[in-house]
C-alpha atoms as a PDB file:
ATOM      1  CA  UNK A   1     -21.272  18.826  52.375  1.00  0.00           C
ATOM      2  CA  UNK A   2     -21.232  21.290  55.239  1.00  0.00           C
ATOM      3  CA  UNK A   3     -22.316  20.684  58.823  1.00  0.00           C
ATOM      4  CA  UNK A   4     -24.691  18.001  57.504  1.00  0.00           C
ATOM      5  CA  UNK A   5     -25.401  16.171  54.233  1.00  0.00           C
ATOM      6  CA  UNK A   6     -28.141  18.757  53.565  1.00  0.00           C
ATOM      7  CA  UNK A   7     -25.920  21.254  51.780  1.00  0.00           C
ATOM      8  CA  UNK A   8     -24.671  21.053  48.213  1.00  0.00           C
ATOM      9  CA  UNK A   9     -26.643  19.483  45.372  1.00  0.00           C
ATOM     10  CA  UNK A  10     -30.351  18.714  45.751  1.00  0.00           C
ATOM     11  CA  UNK A  11     -30.542  15.008  46.515  1.00  0.00           C
ATOM     12  CA  UNK A  12     -33.285  12.411  46.192  1.00  0.00           C
ATOM     13  CA  UNK A  13     -35.131  13.557  49.328  1.00  0.00           C
ATOM     14  CA  UNK A  14     -32.838  16.189  50.838  1.00  0.00           C
ATOM     15  CA  UNK A  15     -33.106  19.849  50.013  1.00  0.00           C
ATOM     16  CA  UNK A  16     -29.477  20.757  49.261  1.00  0.00           C
ATOM     17  CA  UNK A  17     -28.362  24.395  49.515  1.00  0.00           C
ATOM     18  CA  UNK A  18     -31.094  26.564  50.958  1.00  0.00           C
ATOM     19  CA  UNK A  19     -31.496  30.248  51.779  1.00  0.00           C
ATOM     20  CA  UNK A  20     -31.109  30.529  55.551  1.00  0.00           C
ATOM     21  CA  UNK A  21     -34.384  32.468  55.843  1.00  0.00           C
ATOM     22  CA  UNK A  22     -36.346  29.784  53.985  1.00  0.00           C
ATOM     23  CA  UNK A  23     -36.618  27.668  57.136  1.00  0.00           C
ATOM     24  CA  UNK A  24     -38.295  30.285  59.389  1.00  0.00           C
ATOM     25  CA  UNK A  25     -40.492  31.334  56.453  1.00  0.00           C
ATOM     26  CA  UNK A  26     -41.574  27.721  55.957  1.00  0.00           C
ATOM     27  CA  UNK A  27     -42.287  27.261  59.650  1.00  0.00           C
ATOM     28  CA  UNK A  28     -44.363  30.452  59.924  1.00  0.00           C
ATOM     29  CA  UNK A  29     -46.287  30.122  56.659  1.00  0.00           C
ATOM     30  CA  UNK A  30     -46.931  26.418  57.077  1.00  0.00           C
ATOM     31  CA  UNK A  31     -47.443  26.417  60.826  1.00  0.00           C
ATOM     32  CA  UNK A  32     -44.745  23.774  61.195  1.00  0.00           C
ATOM     33  CA  UNK A  33     -42.744  22.860  64.250  1.00  0.00           C
ATOM     34  CA  UNK A  34     -38.964  22.667  63.985  1.00  0.00           C
ATOM     35  CA  UNK A  35     -39.177  18.861  64.013  1.00  0.00           C
ATOM     36  CA  UNK A  36     -41.738  18.878  61.196  1.00  0.00           C
ATOM     37  CA  UNK A  37     -39.669  21.289  59.111  1.00  0.00           C
ATOM     38  CA  UNK A  38     -36.553  19.194  59.700  1.00  0.00           C
ATOM     39  CA  UNK A  39     -38.368  16.048  58.573  1.00  0.00           C
ATOM     40  CA  UNK A  40     -39.674  17.870  55.510  1.00  0.00           C
ATOM     41  CA  UNK A  41     -36.171  18.990  54.501  1.00  0.00           C
ATOM     42  CA  UNK A  42     -34.683  15.530  55.085  1.00  0.00           C
ATOM     43  CA  UNK A  43     -37.410  13.269  53.714  1.00  0.00           C
ATOM     44  CA  UNK A  44     -39.699  15.185  51.370  1.00  0.00           C
ATOM     45  CA  UNK A  45     -37.517  17.770  49.636  1.00  0.00           C
ATOM     46  CA  UNK A  46     -34.840  17.812  46.930  1.00  0.00           C
ATOM     47  CA  UNK A  47     -35.643  16.106  43.651  1.00  0.00           C
ATOM     48  CA  UNK A  48     -38.754  14.512  45.150  1.00  0.00           C
ATOM     49  CA  UNK A  49     -40.360  17.868  45.935  1.00  0.00           C
ATOM     50  CA  UNK A  50     -39.186  19.603  42.766  1.00  0.00           C
ATOM     51  CA  UNK A  51     -40.443  16.831  40.470  1.00  0.00           C
ATOM     52  CA  UNK A  52     -43.782  16.401  42.202  1.00  0.00           C
ATOM     53  CA  UNK A  53     -43.093  13.119  43.951  1.00  0.00           C
ATOM     54  CA  UNK A  54     -40.340  11.320  42.027  1.00  0.00           C
ATOM     55  CA  UNK A  55     -36.993  10.765  43.738  1.00  0.00           C
ATOM     56  CA  UNK A  56     -35.404   8.360  41.263  1.00  0.00           C
ATOM     57  CA  UNK A  57     -33.456  10.117  38.509  1.00  0.00           C
ATOM     58  CA  UNK A  58     -34.610   7.487  35.989  1.00  0.00           C
ATOM     59  CA  UNK A  59     -38.264   8.252  36.686  1.00  0.00           C
ATOM     60  CA  UNK A  60     -37.593  11.978  36.603  1.00  0.00           C
ATOM     61  CA  UNK A  61     -35.923  11.740  33.177  1.00  0.00           C
ATOM     62  CA  UNK A  62     -38.811   9.634  31.874  1.00  0.00           C
ATOM     63  CA  UNK A  63     -41.389  12.096  33.166  1.00  0.00           C
ATOM     64  CA  UNK A  64     -39.455  15.061  31.765  1.00  0.00           C
ATOM     65  CA  UNK A  65     -39.378  13.382  28.339  1.00  0.00           C
ATOM     66  CA  UNK A  66     -43.169  13.028  28.557  1.00  0.00           C
ATOM     67  CA  UNK A  67     -43.518  16.770  29.065  1.00  0.00           C
ATOM     68  CA  UNK A  68     -43.854  16.839  32.858  1.00  0.00           C
ATOM     69  CA  UNK A  69     -42.764  20.402  33.720  1.00  0.00           C
ATOM     70  CA  UNK A  70     -42.078  19.615  37.376  1.00  0.00           C
ATOM     71  CA  UNK A  71     -39.748  16.779  36.372  1.00  0.00           C
ATOM     72  CA  UNK A  72     -38.020  19.087  33.884  1.00  0.00           C
ATOM     73  CA  UNK A  73     -37.604  21.659  36.657  1.00  0.00           C
ATOM     74  CA  UNK A  74     -35.983  19.051  38.935  1.00  0.00           C
ATOM     75  CA  UNK A  75     -33.463  18.138  36.223  1.00  0.00           C
ATOM     76  CA  UNK A  76     -32.747  21.787  35.438  1.00  0.00           C
ATOM     77  CA  UNK A  77     -32.096  22.608  39.109  1.00  0.00           C
ATOM     78  CA  UNK A  78     -29.823  19.573  39.510  1.00  0.00           C
ATOM     79  CA  UNK A  79     -27.850  20.449  36.373  1.00  0.00           C
ATOM     80  CA  UNK A  80     -27.613  24.126  37.348  1.00  0.00           C
ATOM     81  CA  UNK A  81     -26.347  23.276  40.834  1.00  0.00           C
ATOM     82  CA  UNK A  82     -23.805  20.742  39.519  1.00  0.00           C
ATOM     83  CA  UNK A  83     -22.431  23.339  37.087  1.00  0.00           C
ATOM     84  CA  UNK A  84     -22.397  25.931  39.878  1.00  0.00           C
ATOM     85  CA  UNK A  85     -20.195  23.715  42.057  1.00  0.00           C
ATOM     86  CA  UNK A  86     -17.911  22.732  39.169  1.00  0.00           C
ATOM     87  CA  UNK A  87     -17.333  26.428  38.469  1.00  0.00           C
ATOM     88  CA  UNK A  88     -16.825  27.229  42.137  1.00  0.00           C
ATOM     89  CA  UNK A  89     -14.199  24.558  42.712  1.00  0.00           C
ATOM     90  CA  UNK A  90     -12.572  25.281  39.355  1.00  0.00           C
ATOM     91  CA  UNK A  91     -11.884  28.836  40.514  1.00  0.00           C
ATOM     92  CA  UNK A  92     -10.832  27.798  44.008  1.00  0.00           C
ATOM     93  CA  UNK A  93      -8.336  25.309  42.554  1.00  0.00           C
ATOM     94  CA  UNK A  94      -7.222  27.606  39.721  1.00  0.00           C
ATOM     95  CA  UNK A  95      -8.129  24.942  37.183  1.00  0.00           C
ATOM     96  CA  UNK A  96      -8.726  21.216  37.209  1.00  0.00           C
ATOM     97  CA  UNK A  97      -6.917  18.087  36.108  1.00  0.00           C
ATOM     98  CA  UNK A  98     -10.000  15.887  36.071  1.00  0.00           C
ATOM     99  CA  UNK A  99     -13.756  15.859  36.580  1.00  0.00           C
ATOM    100  CA  UNK A 100     -15.249  12.627  37.932  1.00  0.00           C
ATOM    101  CA  UNK A 101     -18.848  11.426  37.720  1.00  0.00           C
ATOM    102  CA  UNK A 102     -19.750   8.712  40.201  1.00  0.00           C
ATOM    103  CA  UNK A 103     -22.609   7.085  42.143  1.00  0.00           C
ATOM    104  CA  UNK A 104     -25.976   6.153  40.654  1.00  0.00           C
ATOM    105  CA  UNK A 105     -26.820   9.203  38.556  1.00  0.00           C
ATOM    106  CA  UNK A 106     -23.221  10.087  37.706  1.00  0.00           C
ATOM    107  CA  UNK A 107     -22.368   6.563  36.594  1.00  0.00           C
ATOM    108  CA  UNK A 108     -25.524   5.680  34.692  1.00  0.00           C
ATOM    109  CA  UNK A 109     -27.099   8.807  33.180  1.00  0.00           C
ATOM    110  CA  UNK A 110     -25.243   9.834  30.013  1.00  0.00           C
ATOM    111  CA  UNK A 111     -27.743  12.605  29.198  1.00  0.00           C
ATOM    112  CA  UNK A 112     -27.232  14.145  32.634  1.00  0.00           C
ATOM    113  CA  UNK A 113     -23.440  14.117  32.213  1.00  0.00           C
ATOM    114  CA  UNK A 114     -23.794  15.687  28.782  1.00  0.00           C
ATOM    115  CA  UNK A 115     -26.040  18.471  30.096  1.00  0.00           C
ATOM    116  CA  UNK A 116     -23.728  19.222  33.016  1.00  0.00           C
ATOM    117  CA  UNK A 117     -20.677  19.469  30.745  1.00  0.00           C
ATOM    118  CA  UNK A 118     -22.378  21.376  27.913  1.00  0.00           C
ATOM    119  CA  UNK A 119     -20.600  24.554  26.744  1.00  0.00           C
ATOM    120  CA  UNK A 120     -17.754  24.244  29.232  1.00  0.00           C
ATOM    121  CA  UNK A 121     -15.103  24.179  26.509  1.00  0.00           C
ATOM    122  CA  UNK A 122     -13.720  27.525  27.736  1.00  0.00           C
ATOM    123  CA  UNK A 123     -12.890  25.714  30.992  1.00  0.00           C
ATOM    124  CA  UNK A 124     -11.216  22.945  29.013  1.00  0.00           C
ATOM    125  CA  UNK A 125     -14.070  20.459  29.543  1.00  0.00           C
ATOM    126  CA  UNK A 126     -15.203  18.748  26.337  1.00  0.00           C
ATOM    127  CA  UNK A 127     -17.044  15.411  26.245  1.00  0.00           C
ATOM    128  CA  UNK A 128     -16.710  12.767  23.570  1.00  0.00           C
ATOM    129  CA  UNK A 129     -20.386  11.909  22.816  1.00  0.00           C
ATOM    130  CA  UNK A 130     -19.608   8.299  21.844  1.00  0.00           C
ATOM    131  CA  UNK A 131     -17.452   7.629  24.903  1.00  0.00           C
ATOM    132  CA  UNK A 132     -20.082   9.245  27.111  1.00  0.00           C
ATOM    133  CA  UNK A 133     -22.575   6.616  25.979  1.00  0.00           C
ATOM    134  CA  UNK A 134     -20.254   3.775  27.039  1.00  0.00           C
ATOM    135  CA  UNK A 135     -22.203   1.250  29.149  1.00  0.00           C
ATOM    136  CA  UNK A 136     -21.785   1.748  32.889  1.00  0.00           C
ATOM    137  CA  UNK A 137     -20.003  -0.701  35.162  1.00  0.00           C
ATOM    138  CA  UNK A 138     -16.323   0.078  34.666  1.00  0.00           C
ATOM    139  CA  UNK A 139     -14.060   3.083  35.003  1.00  0.00           C
ATOM    140  CA  UNK A 140     -13.809   4.926  31.702  1.00  0.00           C
ATOM    141  CA  UNK A 141     -12.671   8.200  30.190  1.00  0.00           C
ATOM    142  CA  UNK A 142     -15.427  10.195  28.477  1.00  0.00           C
ATOM    143  CA  UNK A 143     -13.647  13.425  27.562  1.00  0.00           C
ATOM    144  CA  UNK A 144     -12.663  14.265  23.988  1.00  0.00           C
ATOM    145  CA  UNK A 145      -9.053  14.176  22.840  1.00  0.00           C
ATOM    146  CA  UNK A 146      -8.883  17.990  22.783  1.00  0.00           C
ATOM    147  CA  UNK A 147     -10.280  18.356  26.324  1.00  0.00           C
ATOM    148  CA  UNK A 148      -7.693  19.880  28.691  1.00  0.00           C
ATOM    149  CA  UNK A 149      -9.603  18.466  31.664  1.00  0.00           C
ATOM    150  CA  UNK A 150      -9.992  14.714  31.653  1.00  0.00           C
ATOM    151  CA  UNK A 151     -13.530  13.591  32.468  1.00  0.00           C
ATOM    152  CA  UNK A 152     -14.037  10.159  34.004  1.00  0.00           C
ATOM    153  CA  UNK A 153     -16.866   7.911  35.109  1.00  0.00           C
ATOM    154  CA  UNK A 154     -15.761   5.909  38.151  1.00  0.00           C
ATOM    155  CA  UNK A 155     -18.171   3.517  39.894  1.00  0.00           C
ATOM    156  CA  UNK A 156     -18.694   4.190  43.587  1.00  0.00           C
ATOM    157  CA  UNK A 157     -17.774   1.437  46.041  1.00  0.00           C
ATOM    158  CA  UNK A 158     -18.680   2.832  49.433  1.00  0.00           C
ATOM    159  CA  UNK A 159     -18.580  -0.570  51.113  1.00  0.00           C
ATOM    160  CA  UNK A 160     -14.958  -1.073  50.109  1.00  0.00           C
ATOM    161  CA  UNK A 161     -14.006   2.394  51.362  1.00  0.00           C
ATOM    162  CA  UNK A 162     -15.674   1.709  54.728  1.00  0.00           C
ATOM    163  CA  UNK A 163     -13.981  -1.702  54.992  1.00  0.00           C
ATOM    164  CA  UNK A 164     -10.562  -0.182  54.272  1.00  0.00           C
ATOM    165  CA  UNK A 165     -11.090   2.549  56.878  1.00  0.00           C
ATOM    166  CA  UNK A 166     -12.157  -0.001  59.496  1.00  0.00           C
ATOM    167  CA  UNK A 167      -9.101  -2.113  58.704  1.00  0.00           C
ATOM    168  CA  UNK A 168      -6.848   0.943  58.956  1.00  0.00           C
ATOM    169  CA  UNK A 169      -8.326   1.813  62.351  1.00  0.00           C
ATOM    170  CA  UNK A 170      -7.979  -1.742  63.622  1.00  0.00           C
ATOM    171  CA  UNK A 171      -4.390  -1.977  62.389  1.00  0.00           C
ATOM    172  CA  UNK A 172      -3.622   1.283  64.195  1.00  0.00           C
ATOM    173  CA  UNK A 173      -5.211   0.023  67.411  1.00  0.00           C
ATOM    174  CA  UNK A 174      -3.340  -3.252  67.089  1.00  0.00           C
ATOM    175  CA  UNK A 175       0.008  -1.467  66.828  1.00  0.00           C
ATOM    176  CA  UNK A 176      -0.875   1.017  69.587  1.00  0.00           C
ATOM    177  CA  UNK A 177      -2.159  -1.542  72.061  1.00  0.00           C
ATOM    178  CA  UNK A 178       0.091  -4.431  71.145  1.00  0.00           C
ATOM    179  CA  UNK A 179       0.883  -5.058  74.787  1.00  0.00           C
ATOM    180  CA  UNK A 180      -2.850  -5.585  75.487  1.00  0.00           C
ATOM    181  CA  UNK A 181      -4.156  -7.594  72.522  1.00  0.00           C
ATOM    182  CA  UNK A 182      -7.900  -7.916  72.113  1.00  0.00           C
ATOM    183  CA  UNK A 183      -9.173 -11.256  70.733  1.00  0.00           C
ATOM    184  CA  UNK A 184     -12.151  -9.490  69.155  1.00  0.00           C
ATOM    185  CA  UNK A 185      -9.925  -6.921  67.432  1.00  0.00           C
ATOM    186  CA  UNK A 186      -7.676  -9.638  65.995  1.00  0.00           C
ATOM    187  CA  UNK A 187     -10.663 -11.680  64.836  1.00  0.00           C
ATOM    188  CA  UNK A 188     -12.319  -8.722  63.059  1.00  0.00           C
ATOM    189  CA  UNK A 189      -9.002  -7.633  61.531  1.00  0.00           C
ATOM    190  CA  UNK A 190      -8.342 -11.125  60.213  1.00  0.00           C
ATOM    191  CA  UNK A 191     -11.833 -11.284  58.703  1.00  0.00           C
ATOM    192  CA  UNK A 192     -11.390  -7.902  56.995  1.00  0.00           C
ATOM    193  CA  UNK A 193      -7.964  -8.877  55.681  1.00  0.00           C
ATOM    194  CA  UNK A 194      -9.495 -11.974  54.146  1.00  0.00           C
ATOM    195  CA  UNK A 195     -12.399 -10.047  52.570  1.00  0.00           C
ATOM    196  CA  UNK A 196     -10.223  -7.204  51.275  1.00  0.00           C
ATOM    197  CA  UNK A 197      -7.831  -9.644  49.615  1.00  0.00           C
ATOM    198  CA  UNK A 198     -10.717 -10.931  47.490  1.00  0.00           C
ATOM    199  CA  UNK A 199     -11.924  -7.499  46.314  1.00  0.00           C
ATOM    200  CA  UNK A 200      -8.716  -5.466  45.933  1.00  0.00           C
END
């Protein structure tokens, strides 16, 4: 991500990386206001626009398998962009120890992972086809034994990350303002401690 979540990969409804002159071109050619163009890029772009109206990767894969060229285009753009960013960070980091697939598409779409990692053996990325088809739900290694870069599927748990960050902030405030305790802060912190102890 850059200044906003718009940059990077094309997302369900968001456009992803975009030529900076595409926005004024869109506004002039379509007679759109800035607000309309902004809404278009945030709500009606990305995989939804590329595929012709589908913003769920499962539907897009199904449509592509049926011969829908727009759906195939959406998958191709997503795969191309994912490989672009893998290559970019690989060079910036001078290699990689691991590649992680996560969130809905990364966790659940074996064919997508296979396409993204195809022919990357020169970068040390080699998938094990059988491991890649392992049912989703747990953390698992999907790279082959000869792969220099380990490739993992790790389920996302955004709620847990947010809860931990809130607890960290509250603990910091509690230690900083110990001389002026807040009943609300202590109550929320105690609740989070209780919830985190059940999911850690």
